[in-house]
Amino acid sequence: MLISNMEVVPGKRITQHLGMVQGSTVRAKHAGRDIMAGFKNIFGGELKGYTELLSESREEAIERLKQQAAALGANAVINVRFSTSSIAAGASEIFVYGTAVTVEDR
């Protein structure tokens, strides 16, 4: 499955638009990561636990987007965008969306 944040896939011709597809996941903070984040807030530095959490969340959301696109018969998703939002205290949603299409070589 090709994923592009552009409205085209270079070197490919869009043959069919199949509609919007999406993927999301909601994740909560881990207590152990919160303790380490508290120390980092005092001394500074990257919050690696949260960086890993967000990376895992993006990967899961993209996988769900791909599954939805494949179910429609797509072989690519174009114009892909990410959004985040706070759902509850300590929990956030990662949302990814785009347009499912079929493409072929030019």
C-alpha atoms as a PDB file:
ATOM      1  CA  MET A   1       0.000   0.000   0.000  1.00  0.00           C
ATOM      2  CA  LEU A   2       1.487   3.334  -1.073  1.00  0.00           C
ATOM      3  CA  ILE A   3       1.004   6.236   1.335  1.00  0.00           C
ATOM      4  CA  SER A   4       1.531   9.828   0.198  1.00  0.00           C
ATOM      5  CA  ASN A   5       0.997  13.169   1.893  1.00  0.00           C
ATOM      6  CA  MET A   6       0.723  14.716  -1.586  1.00  0.00           C
ATOM      7  CA  GLU A   7      -2.323  14.738  -3.853  1.00  0.00           C
ATOM      8  CA  VAL A   8      -0.479  12.492  -6.307  1.00  0.00           C
ATOM      9  CA  VAL A   9       1.915   9.557  -6.254  1.00  0.00           C
ATOM     10  CA  PRO A  10       4.936  10.485  -8.390  1.00  0.00           C
ATOM     11  CA  GLY A  11       5.301   8.183 -11.383  1.00  0.00           C
ATOM     12  CA  LYS A  12       1.781   6.772 -10.948  1.00  0.00           C
ATOM     13  CA  ARG A  13      -1.560   7.618 -12.521  1.00  0.00           C
ATOM     14  CA  ILE A  14      -4.663   7.679 -10.326  1.00  0.00           C
ATOM     15  CA  THR A  15      -7.289   5.503 -11.977  1.00  0.00           C
ATOM     16  CA  GLN A  16     -10.001   5.539  -9.327  1.00  0.00           C
ATOM     17  CA  HIS A  17     -10.936   7.542  -6.222  1.00  0.00           C
ATOM     18  CA  LEU A  18     -12.532   5.301  -3.600  1.00  0.00           C
ATOM     19  CA  GLY A  19     -13.251   7.822  -0.845  1.00  0.00           C
ATOM     20  CA  MET A  20     -11.921   8.961   2.485  1.00  0.00           C
ATOM     21  CA  VAL A  21     -10.299   6.444   4.819  1.00  0.00           C
ATOM     22  CA  GLN A  22      -9.159   6.880   8.378  1.00  0.00           C
ATOM     23  CA  GLY A  23      -7.390   5.235  11.244  1.00  0.00           C
ATOM     24  CA  SER A  24      -7.126   6.199  14.874  1.00  0.00           C
ATOM     25  CA  THR A  25      -6.012   5.059  18.276  1.00  0.00           C
ATOM     26  CA  VAL A  26      -6.492   6.466  21.758  1.00  0.00           C
ATOM     27  CA  ARG A  27      -3.633   6.000  24.192  1.00  0.00           C
ATOM     28  CA  ALA A  28      -3.243   6.791  27.854  1.00  0.00           C
ATOM     29  CA  LYS A  29      -0.068   7.831  29.622  1.00  0.00           C
ATOM     30  CA  HIS A  30       1.835   5.243  31.638  1.00  0.00           C
ATOM     31  CA  ALA A  31       2.435   6.036  35.326  1.00  0.00           C
ATOM     32  CA  GLY A  32       6.110   5.057  35.102  1.00  0.00           C
ATOM     33  CA  ARG A  33       6.591   7.311  32.095  1.00  0.00           C
ATOM     34  CA  ASP A  34       4.891  10.147  33.993  1.00  0.00           C
ATOM     35  CA  ILE A  35       7.410   9.878  36.832  1.00  0.00           C
ATOM     36  CA  MET A  36      10.337  10.034  34.391  1.00  0.00           C
ATOM     37  CA  ALA A  37       8.676  12.911  32.531  1.00  0.00           C
ATOM     38  CA  GLY A  38       8.446  14.804  35.813  1.00  0.00           C
ATOM     39  CA  PHE A  39      12.211  14.526  36.256  1.00  0.00           C
ATOM     40  CA  LYS A  40      12.798  15.620  32.670  1.00  0.00           C
ATOM     41  CA  ASN A  41      10.615  18.675  33.256  1.00  0.00           C
ATOM     42  CA  ILE A  42      12.973  19.680  36.065  1.00  0.00           C
ATOM     43  CA  PHE A  43      16.268  18.904  34.320  1.00  0.00           C
ATOM     44  CA  GLY A  44      15.264  19.180  30.659  1.00  0.00           C
ATOM     45  CA  GLY A  45      15.679  16.756  27.800  1.00  0.00           C
ATOM     46  CA  GLU A  46      13.636  14.559  25.505  1.00  0.00           C
ATOM     47  CA  LEU A  47      10.737  12.624  26.979  1.00  0.00           C
ATOM     48  CA  LYS A  48      11.716   9.371  25.265  1.00  0.00           C
ATOM     49  CA  GLY A  49       8.869   7.363  26.787  1.00  0.00           C
ATOM     50  CA  TYR A  50       6.340   9.738  25.253  1.00  0.00           C
ATOM     51  CA  THR A  51       8.228   9.860  21.965  1.00  0.00           C
ATOM     52  CA  GLU A  52       7.984   6.057  21.763  1.00  0.00           C
ATOM     53  CA  LEU A  53       4.302   6.124  22.745  1.00  0.00           C
ATOM     54  CA  LEU A  54       3.458   8.624  19.999  1.00  0.00           C
ATOM     55  CA  SER A  55       5.494   6.712  17.416  1.00  0.00           C
ATOM     56  CA  GLU A  56       3.678   3.467  18.272  1.00  0.00           C
ATOM     57  CA  SER A  57       0.347   5.302  18.125  1.00  0.00           C
ATOM     58  CA  ARG A  58       1.081   6.751  14.663  1.00  0.00           C
ATOM     59  CA  GLU A  59       2.090   3.319  13.360  1.00  0.00           C
ATOM     60  CA  GLU A  60      -1.118   1.732  14.699  1.00  0.00           C
ATOM     61  CA  ALA A  61      -3.303   4.497  13.225  1.00  0.00           C
ATOM     62  CA  ILE A  62      -1.573   4.149   9.823  1.00  0.00           C
ATOM     63  CA  GLU A  63      -2.063   0.376   9.897  1.00  0.00           C
ATOM     64  CA  ARG A  64      -5.788   0.868  10.502  1.00  0.00           C
ATOM     65  CA  LEU A  65      -5.930   3.390   7.644  1.00  0.00           C
ATOM     66  CA  LYS A  66      -4.239   0.862   5.335  1.00  0.00           C
ATOM     67  CA  GLN A  67      -6.664  -1.888   6.355  1.00  0.00           C
ATOM     68  CA  GLN A  68      -9.659   0.314   5.613  1.00  0.00           C
ATOM     69  CA  ALA A  69      -8.197   1.331   2.240  1.00  0.00           C
ATOM     70  CA  ALA A  70      -7.447  -2.283   1.301  1.00  0.00           C
ATOM     71  CA  ALA A  71     -11.035  -3.258   2.159  1.00  0.00           C
ATOM     72  CA  LEU A  72     -12.170  -0.716  -0.461  1.00  0.00           C
ATOM     73  CA  GLY A  73      -9.801  -2.187  -3.062  1.00  0.00           C
ATOM     74  CA  ALA A  74      -7.249   0.634  -2.926  1.00  0.00           C
ATOM     75  CA  ASN A  75      -3.551   0.222  -3.510  1.00  0.00           C
ATOM     76  CA  ALA A  76      -2.639   3.739  -2.335  1.00  0.00           C
ATOM     77  CA  VAL A  77      -3.780   6.502   0.000  1.00  0.00           C
ATOM     78  CA  ILE A  78      -3.091  10.104  -0.971  1.00  0.00           C
ATOM     79  CA  ASN A  79      -3.272  13.454   0.808  1.00  0.00           C
ATOM     80  CA  VAL A  80      -2.600  11.788   4.177  1.00  0.00           C
ATOM     81  CA  ARG A  81      -2.846  14.015   7.256  1.00  0.00           C
ATOM     82  CA  PHE A  82      -2.472  13.499  11.007  1.00  0.00           C
ATOM     83  CA  SER A  83      -4.411  15.083  13.832  1.00  0.00           C
ATOM     84  CA  THR A  84      -4.154  14.763  17.585  1.00  0.00           C
ATOM     85  CA  SER A  85      -6.603  15.601  20.314  1.00  0.00           C
ATOM     86  CA  SER A  86      -6.948  15.225  24.045  1.00  0.00           C
ATOM     87  CA  ILE A  87      -9.742  12.801  24.910  1.00  0.00           C
ATOM     88  CA  ALA A  88      -9.499  12.770  28.714  1.00  0.00           C
ATOM     89  CA  ALA A  89      -6.962  13.617  31.385  1.00  0.00           C
ATOM     90  CA  GLY A  90      -3.877  11.654  30.381  1.00  0.00           C
ATOM     91  CA  ALA A  91      -5.339  10.197  27.152  1.00  0.00           C
ATOM     92  CA  SER A  92      -4.902  11.399  23.569  1.00  0.00           C
ATOM     93  CA  GLU A  93      -6.126  10.336  20.153  1.00  0.00           C
ATOM     94  CA  ILE A  94      -3.942  10.067  17.087  1.00  0.00           C
ATOM     95  CA  PHE A  95      -6.107  10.329  13.968  1.00  0.00           C
ATOM     96  CA  VAL A  96      -4.883   9.842  10.399  1.00  0.00           C
ATOM     97  CA  TYR A  97      -6.965  10.295   7.271  1.00  0.00           C
ATOM     98  CA  GLY A  98      -6.608  10.450   3.512  1.00  0.00           C
ATOM     99  CA  THR A  99      -8.165   9.489   0.197  1.00  0.00           C
ATOM    100  CA  ALA A 100      -8.106   5.853  -0.925  1.00  0.00           C
ATOM    101  CA  VAL A 101      -7.254   5.461  -4.610  1.00  0.00           C
ATOM    102  CA  THR A 102      -6.079   2.937  -7.130  1.00  0.00           C
ATOM    103  CA  VAL A 103      -2.953   3.814  -9.070  1.00  0.00           C
ATOM    104  CA  GLU A 104      -1.022   2.292 -11.932  1.00  0.00           C
ATOM    105  CA  ASP A 105       2.384   2.953 -13.501  1.00  0.00           C
ATOM    106  CA  ARG A 106       2.424   5.551 -16.230  1.00  0.00           C
END
